[in-house]
Amino acid sequence: MPNPVDFTDARYDAVVVLANLMDADGTLNDETRARVDLGIEAMKTASAPLLVMCGWAYRDDSDICIADAMRRYALEYTQLDASRVIAETTSRDTVGDAVFTRRNLAATFDGPRILVATSAYHAARTLEIFTFVYGPSFHIDVAGAGDPPTAAQLASEARSLDAFRATFSGVASGDGDAIFERLRERHPFYNGDVYPRV
C-alpha cells in the first residue's frame, strides 16, 4: 500500500523514526526497514535537516542498540550526510521515544515541526503520545508505513493507549520534568519493574 502522507508541500525540522525489531546481529526486520525507508523519504522530500532513530539494546543476546542498527542501515543505502542521522539509544518503547527525543534532542532541532515515522497500525497512538509529551509549542505529524491496521491491532493499540493515559493522568502536556518523573515512577519499562530504572 502506498504511503498516504503527501510530503510535497511539507517542511519539517526533524524526522523521528520509531523501531520495531531486529536480529541479534542488527539486521532490521521488514517492519523496521519500512519505517526507516519512510523516514528517509520524508526527510528528503520535506527537506528536514535531521533524521533521528530511536531504540535501545533490547535483546538479551546482543548489545546492539536498534537505533544504531537503523542509522547504519540508513547510511549504507542512501547518500545522507552522517552528521544528519542521529541515534537516540535511551528509549525502550514509544513513550520513551517521545520523552527522550524531547528531553535529549529537541533543543538541537531547527524548529518545532516534527514528523514521526512508524507503522500504519501504530500511527494514531504515536500521534497522541508525541503530542502530549512535546506539548503545544511543537507541531507533530505522524506517517505510517505498511498496510492499514487490522481489528486486532487496533484493539491492542487501544489497550496500550489506555495504559498510557492512566500512567500520565494529571500531568500537563509538554511539562518535560513532570513527564520524565512520572515515567520513572510509574512506567514499568523505566521504574525498575521490568528493566533497570532510568
N, C-alpha and C. Protein backbone atom coordinates (compact mmCIF):
# COMPACT_ATOMS: atom_id res chain seq x y z
N MET A 1 0.85 -1.19 0.00
CA MET A 1 0.00 0.00 0.00
C MET A 1 0.88 1.24 0.00
N PRO A 2 0.66 2.21 -0.87
CA PRO A 2 1.48 3.41 -0.88
C PRO A 2 1.26 4.24 0.38
N ASN A 3 2.30 4.94 0.78
CA ASN A 3 2.20 5.80 1.95
C ASN A 3 1.19 6.91 1.70
N PRO A 4 0.20 7.10 2.59
CA PRO A 4 -0.86 8.08 2.33
C PRO A 4 -0.46 9.52 2.58
N VAL A 5 0.70 9.76 3.22
CA VAL A 5 1.10 11.12 3.53
C VAL A 5 1.80 11.75 2.33
N ASP A 6 1.37 12.93 1.96
CA ASP A 6 1.99 13.65 0.84
C ASP A 6 2.96 14.68 1.41
N PHE A 7 4.26 14.48 1.15
CA PHE A 7 5.28 15.37 1.70
C PHE A 7 5.62 16.53 0.75
N THR A 8 4.93 16.61 -0.38
CA THR A 8 5.33 17.55 -1.43
C THR A 8 5.45 18.98 -0.92
N ASP A 9 4.48 19.41 -0.16
CA ASP A 9 4.49 20.80 0.32
C ASP A 9 4.82 20.91 1.80
N ALA A 10 5.30 19.81 2.38
CA ALA A 10 5.59 19.80 3.81
C ALA A 10 7.00 20.31 4.09
N ARG A 11 7.18 20.80 5.30
CA ARG A 11 8.51 21.21 5.76
C ARG A 11 8.63 20.84 7.23
N TYR A 12 9.61 20.01 7.56
CA TYR A 12 9.80 19.57 8.94
C TYR A 12 11.21 19.91 9.41
N ASP A 13 11.33 20.11 10.70
CA ASP A 13 12.63 20.42 11.30
C ASP A 13 13.37 19.18 11.76
N ALA A 14 12.67 18.08 11.89
CA ALA A 14 13.28 16.78 12.19
C ALA A 14 12.28 15.69 11.85
N VAL A 15 12.82 14.53 11.45
CA VAL A 15 12.02 13.33 11.25
C VAL A 15 12.51 12.30 12.26
N VAL A 16 11.59 11.78 13.06
CA VAL A 16 11.90 10.80 14.10
C VAL A 16 11.35 9.45 13.66
N VAL A 17 12.20 8.42 13.68
CA VAL A 17 11.78 7.09 13.23
C VAL A 17 11.75 6.13 14.42
N LEU A 18 10.62 5.45 14.60
CA LEU A 18 10.45 4.51 15.69
C LEU A 18 10.81 3.10 15.25
N ALA A 19 11.40 2.34 16.15
CA ALA A 19 11.87 0.99 15.83
C ALA A 19 10.77 -0.04 16.04
N ASN A 20 10.96 -1.20 15.40
CA ASN A 20 10.17 -2.38 15.71
C ASN A 20 11.11 -3.46 16.26
N LEU A 21 11.68 -4.29 15.39
CA LEU A 21 12.54 -5.38 15.86
C LEU A 21 13.75 -5.54 14.94
N MET A 22 14.75 -6.30 15.45
CA MET A 22 15.94 -6.64 14.67
C MET A 22 16.45 -7.99 15.12
N ASP A 23 17.35 -8.60 14.33
CA ASP A 23 18.05 -9.82 14.72
C ASP A 23 19.20 -9.48 15.65
N ALA A 24 19.81 -10.50 16.22
CA ALA A 24 20.92 -10.30 17.16
C ALA A 24 22.10 -9.58 16.52
N ASP A 25 22.28 -9.75 15.21
CA ASP A 25 23.40 -9.10 14.52
C ASP A 25 23.06 -7.69 14.04
N GLY A 26 21.88 -7.20 14.38
CA GLY A 26 21.48 -5.85 13.99
C GLY A 26 20.75 -5.77 12.67
N THR A 27 20.42 -6.91 12.06
CA THR A 27 19.63 -6.90 10.83
C THR A 27 18.20 -6.52 11.16
N LEU A 28 17.71 -5.48 10.53
CA LEU A 28 16.37 -4.99 10.81
C LEU A 28 15.32 -5.91 10.22
N ASN A 29 14.19 -6.06 10.91
CA ASN A 29 13.08 -6.80 10.32
C ASN A 29 12.37 -5.93 9.29
N ASP A 30 11.45 -6.54 8.55
CA ASP A 30 10.80 -5.83 7.45
C ASP A 30 10.06 -4.58 7.95
N GLU A 31 9.43 -4.68 9.10
CA GLU A 31 8.66 -3.54 9.60
C GLU A 31 9.56 -2.37 9.95
N THR A 32 10.68 -2.65 10.59
CA THR A 32 11.60 -1.56 10.92
C THR A 32 12.19 -0.95 9.66
N ARG A 33 12.56 -1.78 8.69
CA ARG A 33 13.09 -1.25 7.43
C ARG A 33 12.08 -0.34 6.75
N ALA A 34 10.80 -0.75 6.75
CA ALA A 34 9.77 0.08 6.12
C ALA A 34 9.64 1.42 6.83
N ARG A 35 9.77 1.42 8.14
CA ARG A 35 9.70 2.68 8.88
C ARG A 35 10.90 3.58 8.55
N VAL A 36 12.09 2.98 8.49
CA VAL A 36 13.28 3.77 8.17
C VAL A 36 13.19 4.30 6.73
N ASP A 37 12.76 3.47 5.81
CA ASP A 37 12.61 3.91 4.42
C ASP A 37 11.64 5.09 4.33
N LEU A 38 10.54 5.01 5.08
CA LEU A 38 9.57 6.10 5.10
C LEU A 38 10.20 7.36 5.68
N GLY A 39 10.97 7.21 6.73
CA GLY A 39 11.64 8.36 7.33
C GLY A 39 12.62 9.01 6.38
N ILE A 40 13.36 8.20 5.64
CA ILE A 40 14.32 8.74 4.67
C ILE A 40 13.58 9.48 3.57
N GLU A 41 12.50 8.89 3.07
CA GLU A 41 11.69 9.55 2.04
C GLU A 41 11.18 10.90 2.54
N ALA A 42 10.66 10.90 3.76
CA ALA A 42 10.12 12.14 4.33
C ALA A 42 11.22 13.18 4.52
N MET A 43 12.36 12.75 5.00
CA MET A 43 13.47 13.68 5.22
C MET A 43 13.88 14.36 3.92
N LYS A 44 13.98 13.57 2.87
CA LYS A 44 14.42 14.12 1.59
C LYS A 44 13.34 15.01 0.97
N THR A 45 12.11 14.55 0.97
CA THR A 45 11.04 15.29 0.30
C THR A 45 10.68 16.56 1.05
N ALA A 46 10.70 16.48 2.39
CA ALA A 46 10.32 17.64 3.21
C ALA A 46 11.52 18.48 3.62
N SER A 47 12.70 18.15 3.09
CA SER A 47 13.92 18.92 3.36
C SER A 47 14.21 19.07 4.84
N ALA A 48 13.98 18.01 5.59
CA ALA A 48 14.28 18.04 7.02
C ALA A 48 15.78 17.90 7.25
N PRO A 49 16.36 18.71 8.12
CA PRO A 49 17.80 18.64 8.33
C PRO A 49 18.27 17.47 9.18
N LEU A 50 17.37 16.84 9.96
CA LEU A 50 17.78 15.78 10.87
C LEU A 50 16.86 14.57 10.74
N LEU A 51 17.47 13.38 10.83
CA LEU A 51 16.75 12.12 10.87
C LEU A 51 17.17 11.42 12.16
N VAL A 52 16.22 11.16 13.05
CA VAL A 52 16.51 10.62 14.37
C VAL A 52 15.96 9.21 14.47
N MET A 53 16.84 8.26 14.80
CA MET A 53 16.44 6.86 15.01
C MET A 53 16.34 6.60 16.51
N CYS A 54 15.32 5.82 16.90
CA CYS A 54 15.07 5.58 18.32
C CYS A 54 15.18 4.10 18.67
N GLY A 55 15.74 3.80 19.84
CA GLY A 55 15.68 2.44 20.35
C GLY A 55 16.95 1.96 21.01
N TRP A 56 16.79 1.16 22.03
CA TRP A 56 17.89 0.71 22.88
C TRP A 56 18.37 -0.68 22.49
N ALA A 57 19.31 -1.22 23.26
CA ALA A 57 19.81 -2.59 23.06
C ALA A 57 18.88 -3.53 23.82
N TYR A 58 17.77 -3.87 23.21
CA TYR A 58 16.70 -4.57 23.92
C TYR A 58 16.86 -6.09 23.96
N ARG A 59 17.74 -6.63 23.11
CA ARG A 59 17.86 -8.08 23.01
C ARG A 59 18.83 -8.62 24.07
N ASP A 60 18.46 -9.75 24.69
CA ASP A 60 19.34 -10.38 25.68
C ASP A 60 20.60 -10.96 25.04
N ASP A 61 20.53 -11.27 23.75
CA ASP A 61 21.64 -11.93 23.06
C ASP A 61 22.46 -10.96 22.20
N SER A 62 22.30 -9.66 22.43
CA SER A 62 23.03 -8.68 21.62
C SER A 62 23.18 -7.38 22.40
N ASP A 63 24.32 -6.70 22.21
CA ASP A 63 24.50 -5.39 22.83
C ASP A 63 24.31 -4.26 21.83
N ILE A 64 23.73 -4.58 20.66
CA ILE A 64 23.49 -3.57 19.62
C ILE A 64 22.21 -2.81 19.94
N CYS A 65 22.30 -1.50 19.94
CA CYS A 65 21.10 -0.67 20.06
C CYS A 65 20.40 -0.64 18.70
N ILE A 66 19.10 -0.85 18.71
CA ILE A 66 18.39 -0.88 17.43
C ILE A 66 18.46 0.48 16.74
N ALA A 67 18.55 1.57 17.49
CA ALA A 67 18.71 2.88 16.86
C ALA A 67 20.01 2.95 16.06
N ASP A 68 21.08 2.36 16.60
CA ASP A 68 22.35 2.33 15.88
C ASP A 68 22.24 1.47 14.62
N ALA A 69 21.53 0.34 14.73
CA ALA A 69 21.33 -0.52 13.56
C ALA A 69 20.52 0.19 12.48
N MET A 70 19.51 0.95 12.89
CA MET A 70 18.70 1.71 11.94
C MET A 70 19.54 2.80 11.27
N ARG A 71 20.37 3.46 12.05
CA ARG A 71 21.24 4.51 11.49
C ARG A 71 22.20 3.89 10.47
N ARG A 72 22.79 2.75 10.84
CA ARG A 72 23.71 2.08 9.91
C ARG A 72 23.02 1.71 8.61
N TYR A 73 21.82 1.16 8.71
CA TYR A 73 21.04 0.81 7.52
C TYR A 73 20.80 2.04 6.66
N ALA A 74 20.39 3.14 7.27
CA ALA A 74 20.10 4.36 6.51
C ALA A 74 21.34 4.86 5.78
N LEU A 75 22.48 4.83 6.44
CA LEU A 75 23.70 5.35 5.82
C LEU A 75 24.26 4.41 4.77
N GLU A 76 24.01 3.11 4.91
CA GLU A 76 24.50 2.15 3.93
C GLU A 76 23.75 2.25 2.60
N TYR A 77 22.48 2.61 2.67
CA TYR A 77 21.63 2.54 1.48
C TYR A 77 21.22 3.91 0.94
N THR A 78 21.78 4.97 1.48
CA THR A 78 21.49 6.31 0.99
C THR A 78 22.77 7.12 0.91
N GLN A 79 22.65 8.32 0.37
CA GLN A 79 23.78 9.24 0.31
C GLN A 79 23.65 10.33 1.37
N LEU A 80 23.01 10.02 2.47
CA LEU A 80 22.81 11.02 3.53
C LEU A 80 24.13 11.36 4.21
N ASP A 81 24.24 12.61 4.61
CA ASP A 81 25.37 13.06 5.42
C ASP A 81 25.23 12.43 6.81
N ALA A 82 26.27 11.72 7.26
CA ALA A 82 26.20 11.01 8.54
C ALA A 82 25.91 11.94 9.71
N SER A 83 26.31 13.20 9.60
CA SER A 83 26.08 14.13 10.70
C SER A 83 24.61 14.49 10.86
N ARG A 84 23.80 14.16 9.84
CA ARG A 84 22.38 14.49 9.88
C ARG A 84 21.51 13.32 10.34
N VAL A 85 22.13 12.18 10.65
CA VAL A 85 21.40 10.99 11.10
C VAL A 85 21.85 10.66 12.52
N ILE A 86 20.92 10.75 13.46
CA ILE A 86 21.24 10.66 14.89
C ILE A 86 20.56 9.43 15.48
N ALA A 87 21.26 8.76 16.40
CA ALA A 87 20.67 7.63 17.12
C ALA A 87 20.38 8.05 18.56
N GLU A 88 19.13 7.88 18.99
CA GLU A 88 18.74 8.12 20.38
C GLU A 88 18.52 6.75 21.02
N THR A 89 19.45 6.33 21.88
CA THR A 89 19.52 4.93 22.31
C THR A 89 19.00 4.69 23.73
N THR A 90 18.30 5.66 24.30
CA THR A 90 17.79 5.52 25.67
C THR A 90 16.41 4.89 25.71
N SER A 91 15.60 5.15 24.70
CA SER A 91 14.18 4.79 24.75
C SER A 91 13.95 3.29 24.61
N ARG A 92 12.92 2.81 25.32
CA ARG A 92 12.58 1.40 25.36
C ARG A 92 11.20 1.09 24.79
N ASP A 93 10.46 2.13 24.43
CA ASP A 93 9.13 1.97 23.85
C ASP A 93 8.70 3.30 23.26
N THR A 94 7.47 3.38 22.77
CA THR A 94 7.01 4.60 22.11
C THR A 94 6.99 5.80 23.06
N VAL A 95 6.56 5.58 24.30
CA VAL A 95 6.56 6.68 25.27
C VAL A 95 7.97 7.19 25.48
N GLY A 96 8.91 6.27 25.65
CA GLY A 96 10.30 6.67 25.81
C GLY A 96 10.85 7.36 24.57
N ASP A 97 10.42 6.91 23.38
CA ASP A 97 10.85 7.58 22.15
C ASP A 97 10.49 9.07 22.22
N ALA A 98 9.27 9.34 22.65
CA ALA A 98 8.83 10.74 22.75
C ALA A 98 9.57 11.48 23.85
N VAL A 99 9.64 10.87 25.03
CA VAL A 99 10.26 11.55 26.18
C VAL A 99 11.72 11.85 25.93
N PHE A 100 12.48 10.89 25.43
CA PHE A 100 13.92 11.09 25.33
C PHE A 100 14.34 11.87 24.09
N THR A 101 13.58 11.80 23.00
CA THR A 101 13.90 12.70 21.89
C THR A 101 13.60 14.14 22.31
N ARG A 102 12.50 14.34 23.03
CA ARG A 102 12.16 15.70 23.52
C ARG A 102 13.20 16.19 24.52
N ARG A 103 13.57 15.33 25.45
CA ARG A 103 14.47 15.71 26.54
C ARG A 103 15.92 15.90 26.07
N ASN A 104 16.37 15.00 25.20
CA ASN A 104 17.79 14.97 24.83
C ASN A 104 18.13 15.66 23.52
N LEU A 105 17.14 15.79 22.61
CA LEU A 105 17.48 16.25 21.26
C LEU A 105 16.69 17.44 20.77
N ALA A 106 15.50 17.69 21.30
CA ALA A 106 14.63 18.71 20.70
C ALA A 106 15.27 20.10 20.69
N ALA A 107 16.13 20.37 21.64
CA ALA A 107 16.80 21.68 21.66
C ALA A 107 17.72 21.86 20.47
N THR A 108 18.12 20.75 19.83
CA THR A 108 19.01 20.83 18.67
C THR A 108 18.23 20.91 17.35
N PHE A 109 16.90 20.70 17.41
CA PHE A 109 16.10 20.80 16.19
C PHE A 109 16.03 22.26 15.74
N ASP A 110 15.91 22.46 14.44
CA ASP A 110 15.89 23.82 13.90
C ASP A 110 14.56 24.53 14.13
N GLY A 111 13.56 23.80 14.59
CA GLY A 111 12.25 24.40 14.79
C GLY A 111 11.28 23.40 15.37
N PRO A 112 10.01 23.76 15.45
CA PRO A 112 9.03 22.95 16.18
C PRO A 112 8.25 21.93 15.35
N ARG A 113 8.54 21.80 14.07
CA ARG A 113 7.74 20.90 13.23
C ARG A 113 8.43 19.53 13.14
N ILE A 114 7.77 18.53 13.73
CA ILE A 114 8.35 17.19 13.83
C ILE A 114 7.44 16.20 13.10
N LEU A 115 8.06 15.34 12.28
CA LEU A 115 7.34 14.23 11.67
C LEU A 115 7.86 12.94 12.29
N VAL A 116 6.95 12.08 12.71
CA VAL A 116 7.32 10.79 13.27
C VAL A 116 6.93 9.70 12.28
N ALA A 117 7.87 8.83 11.95
CA ALA A 117 7.62 7.72 11.03
C ALA A 117 7.51 6.42 11.82
N THR A 118 6.41 5.72 11.61
CA THR A 118 6.17 4.45 12.29
C THR A 118 5.38 3.56 11.35
N SER A 119 4.63 2.59 11.89
CA SER A 119 3.77 1.74 11.08
C SER A 119 2.34 2.27 11.10
N ALA A 120 1.58 1.95 10.08
CA ALA A 120 0.22 2.49 9.96
C ALA A 120 -0.64 2.15 11.18
N TYR A 121 -0.53 0.90 11.67
CA TYR A 121 -1.36 0.50 12.80
C TYR A 121 -1.01 1.25 14.08
N HIS A 122 0.19 1.80 14.12
CA HIS A 122 0.73 2.44 15.32
C HIS A 122 0.62 3.96 15.27
N ALA A 123 0.14 4.50 14.17
CA ALA A 123 0.20 5.95 13.94
C ALA A 123 -0.66 6.75 14.91
N ALA A 124 -1.89 6.33 15.15
CA ALA A 124 -2.78 7.12 15.99
C ALA A 124 -2.26 7.21 17.42
N ARG A 125 -1.79 6.09 17.97
CA ARG A 125 -1.25 6.11 19.33
C ARG A 125 0.02 6.96 19.39
N THR A 126 0.86 6.82 18.37
CA THR A 126 2.08 7.61 18.33
C THR A 126 1.77 9.10 18.32
N LEU A 127 0.78 9.51 17.55
CA LEU A 127 0.42 10.92 17.48
C LEU A 127 -0.02 11.44 18.84
N GLU A 128 -0.86 10.69 19.54
CA GLU A 128 -1.31 11.15 20.86
C GLU A 128 -0.16 11.24 21.84
N ILE A 129 0.72 10.24 21.85
CA ILE A 129 1.83 10.24 22.80
C ILE A 129 2.79 11.38 22.52
N PHE A 130 3.22 11.54 21.28
CA PHE A 130 4.19 12.59 20.95
C PHE A 130 3.58 13.98 21.16
N THR A 131 2.31 14.16 20.81
CA THR A 131 1.67 15.45 21.01
C THR A 131 1.61 15.80 22.49
N PHE A 132 1.31 14.83 23.34
CA PHE A 132 1.27 15.05 24.78
C PHE A 132 2.66 15.39 25.32
N VAL A 133 3.64 14.60 24.96
CA VAL A 133 4.99 14.77 25.53
C VAL A 133 5.64 16.06 25.05
N TYR A 134 5.54 16.35 23.77
CA TYR A 134 6.18 17.55 23.23
C TYR A 134 5.43 18.82 23.61
N GLY A 135 4.13 18.75 23.73
CA GLY A 135 3.36 19.90 24.19
C GLY A 135 2.98 20.86 23.08
N PRO A 136 2.25 21.92 23.45
CA PRO A 136 1.64 22.80 22.45
C PRO A 136 2.62 23.67 21.67
N SER A 137 3.86 23.75 22.09
CA SER A 137 4.81 24.59 21.34
C SER A 137 5.39 23.86 20.13
N PHE A 138 5.06 22.58 19.97
CA PHE A 138 5.52 21.79 18.83
C PHE A 138 4.34 21.37 17.97
N HIS A 139 4.61 21.18 16.68
CA HIS A 139 3.62 20.62 15.75
C HIS A 139 4.09 19.22 15.38
N ILE A 140 3.27 18.23 15.70
CA ILE A 140 3.62 16.83 15.44
C ILE A 140 2.72 16.26 14.34
N ASP A 141 3.34 15.64 13.35
CA ASP A 141 2.62 14.83 12.37
C ASP A 141 3.19 13.42 12.44
N VAL A 142 2.39 12.44 12.05
CA VAL A 142 2.83 11.05 12.03
C VAL A 142 2.52 10.45 10.67
N ALA A 143 3.50 9.73 10.11
CA ALA A 143 3.32 8.99 8.87
C ALA A 143 3.45 7.51 9.19
N GLY A 144 2.56 6.70 8.60
CA GLY A 144 2.56 5.28 8.88
C GLY A 144 2.88 4.44 7.65
N ALA A 145 3.84 3.55 7.78
CA ALA A 145 4.20 2.62 6.70
C ALA A 145 3.38 1.35 6.82
N GLY A 146 3.20 0.66 5.70
CA GLY A 146 2.58 -0.65 5.72
C GLY A 146 1.08 -0.61 5.51
N ASP A 147 0.47 -1.77 5.72
CA ASP A 147 -0.96 -1.95 5.46
C ASP A 147 -1.81 -1.25 6.51
N PRO A 148 -3.07 -0.99 6.19
CA PRO A 148 -3.98 -0.44 7.19
C PRO A 148 -4.09 -1.40 8.38
N PRO A 149 -4.40 -0.88 9.55
CA PRO A 149 -4.45 -1.73 10.74
C PRO A 149 -5.60 -2.73 10.70
N THR A 150 -5.35 -3.88 11.31
CA THR A 150 -6.38 -4.89 11.48
C THR A 150 -7.17 -4.58 12.74
N ALA A 151 -8.30 -5.26 12.91
CA ALA A 151 -9.10 -5.07 14.12
C ALA A 151 -8.32 -5.45 15.37
N ALA A 152 -7.54 -6.53 15.28
CA ALA A 152 -6.74 -6.96 16.42
C ALA A 152 -5.67 -5.93 16.78
N GLN A 153 -5.04 -5.37 15.76
CA GLN A 153 -4.04 -4.33 16.02
C GLN A 153 -4.67 -3.10 16.66
N LEU A 154 -5.81 -2.70 16.17
CA LEU A 154 -6.50 -1.54 16.74
C LEU A 154 -6.88 -1.78 18.19
N ALA A 155 -7.32 -2.98 18.50
CA ALA A 155 -7.69 -3.30 19.88
C ALA A 155 -6.45 -3.25 20.79
N SER A 156 -5.35 -3.80 20.31
CA SER A 156 -4.12 -3.78 21.09
C SER A 156 -3.62 -2.34 21.31
N GLU A 157 -3.68 -1.55 20.26
CA GLU A 157 -3.27 -0.15 20.37
C GLU A 157 -4.15 0.61 21.35
N ALA A 158 -5.45 0.33 21.35
CA ALA A 158 -6.37 0.99 22.27
C ALA A 158 -6.04 0.65 23.72
N ARG A 159 -5.71 -0.61 23.99
CA ARG A 159 -5.32 -1.01 25.35
C ARG A 159 -4.05 -0.30 25.79
N SER A 160 -3.08 -0.22 24.89
CA SER A 160 -1.82 0.46 25.22
C SER A 160 -2.05 1.95 25.47
N LEU A 161 -2.95 2.54 24.69
CA LEU A 161 -3.24 3.96 24.86
C LEU A 161 -3.96 4.22 26.18
N ASP A 162 -4.83 3.33 26.58
CA ASP A 162 -5.48 3.46 27.88
C ASP A 162 -4.45 3.42 29.01
N ALA A 163 -3.48 2.52 28.89
CA ALA A 163 -2.43 2.42 29.91
C ALA A 163 -1.59 3.70 29.94
N PHE A 164 -1.29 4.23 28.77
CA PHE A 164 -0.53 5.49 28.71
C PHE A 164 -1.29 6.62 29.40
N ARG A 165 -2.56 6.75 29.10
CA ARG A 165 -3.37 7.81 29.69
C ARG A 165 -3.44 7.67 31.20
N ALA A 166 -3.58 6.45 31.68
CA ALA A 166 -3.63 6.23 33.13
C ALA A 166 -2.30 6.57 33.79
N THR A 167 -1.21 6.20 33.15
CA THR A 167 0.12 6.46 33.72
C THR A 167 0.38 7.94 33.88
N PHE A 168 -0.04 8.75 32.91
CA PHE A 168 0.29 10.17 32.92
C PHE A 168 -0.90 11.05 33.30
N SER A 169 -1.93 10.46 33.88
CA SER A 169 -3.09 11.23 34.33
C SER A 169 -2.67 12.31 35.32
N GLY A 170 -3.15 13.53 35.08
CA GLY A 170 -2.84 14.64 35.97
C GLY A 170 -1.58 15.41 35.62
N VAL A 171 -0.81 14.94 34.66
CA VAL A 171 0.40 15.63 34.23
C VAL A 171 0.06 16.50 33.02
N ALA A 172 0.57 17.71 33.00
CA ALA A 172 0.26 18.64 31.91
C ALA A 172 1.06 18.30 30.66
N SER A 173 0.41 18.39 29.52
CA SER A 173 1.08 18.19 28.24
C SER A 173 2.24 19.16 28.11
N GLY A 174 3.40 18.64 27.69
CA GLY A 174 4.57 19.47 27.47
C GLY A 174 5.40 19.77 28.71
N ASP A 175 4.96 19.35 29.89
CA ASP A 175 5.73 19.58 31.13
C ASP A 175 6.81 18.51 31.22
N GLY A 176 7.96 18.81 30.61
CA GLY A 176 9.00 17.81 30.44
C GLY A 176 9.49 17.19 31.73
N ASP A 177 9.71 17.99 32.76
CA ASP A 177 10.22 17.45 34.02
C ASP A 177 9.20 16.54 34.69
N ALA A 178 7.94 16.99 34.72
CA ALA A 178 6.90 16.18 35.35
C ALA A 178 6.66 14.89 34.58
N ILE A 179 6.70 14.95 33.26
CA ILE A 179 6.51 13.76 32.44
C ILE A 179 7.65 12.77 32.68
N PHE A 180 8.88 13.27 32.75
CA PHE A 180 10.03 12.40 32.99
C PHE A 180 9.92 11.73 34.36
N GLU A 181 9.57 12.50 35.38
CA GLU A 181 9.45 11.92 36.73
C GLU A 181 8.33 10.88 36.79
N ARG A 182 7.21 11.14 36.13
CA ARG A 182 6.13 10.17 36.11
C ARG A 182 6.57 8.89 35.38
N LEU A 183 7.33 9.04 34.31
CA LEU A 183 7.88 7.89 33.58
C LEU A 183 8.72 7.04 34.53
N ARG A 184 9.59 7.68 35.30
CA ARG A 184 10.49 6.97 36.22
C ARG A 184 9.74 6.34 37.39
N GLU A 185 8.60 6.90 37.74
CA GLU A 185 7.85 6.40 38.89
C GLU A 185 6.88 5.28 38.53
N ARG A 186 6.20 5.40 37.37
CA ARG A 186 5.04 4.54 37.12
C ARG A 186 5.11 3.68 35.87
N HIS A 187 6.03 3.98 34.96
CA HIS A 187 6.08 3.17 33.74
C HIS A 187 6.97 1.95 34.00
N PRO A 188 6.42 0.72 33.83
CA PRO A 188 7.18 -0.48 34.20
C PRO A 188 8.47 -0.69 33.41
N PHE A 189 8.59 -0.09 32.23
CA PHE A 189 9.83 -0.22 31.46
C PHE A 189 10.94 0.69 31.99
N TYR A 190 10.58 1.64 32.84
CA TYR A 190 11.55 2.65 33.29
C TYR A 190 11.66 2.77 34.80
N ASN A 191 10.72 2.19 35.56
CA ASN A 191 10.74 2.35 37.02
C ASN A 191 11.38 1.19 37.77
N GLY A 192 11.94 0.25 37.03
CA GLY A 192 12.61 -0.88 37.65
C GLY A 192 11.80 -2.15 37.72
N ASP A 193 10.52 -2.11 37.38
CA ASP A 193 9.68 -3.31 37.45
C ASP A 193 10.07 -4.35 36.41
N VAL A 194 10.36 -3.92 35.18
CA VAL A 194 10.69 -4.84 34.10
C VAL A 194 12.17 -4.73 33.72
N TYR A 195 12.63 -3.50 33.56
CA TYR A 195 14.03 -3.22 33.20
C TYR A 195 14.62 -2.29 34.25
N PRO A 196 15.95 -2.12 34.25
CA PRO A 196 16.57 -1.24 35.26
C PRO A 196 15.97 0.18 35.21
N ARG A 197 15.88 0.78 36.38
CA ARG A 197 15.30 2.11 36.49
C ARG A 197 16.21 3.15 35.80
N VAL A 198 15.59 4.09 35.13
CA VAL A 198 16.37 5.16 34.49
C VAL A 198 16.65 6.26 35.50
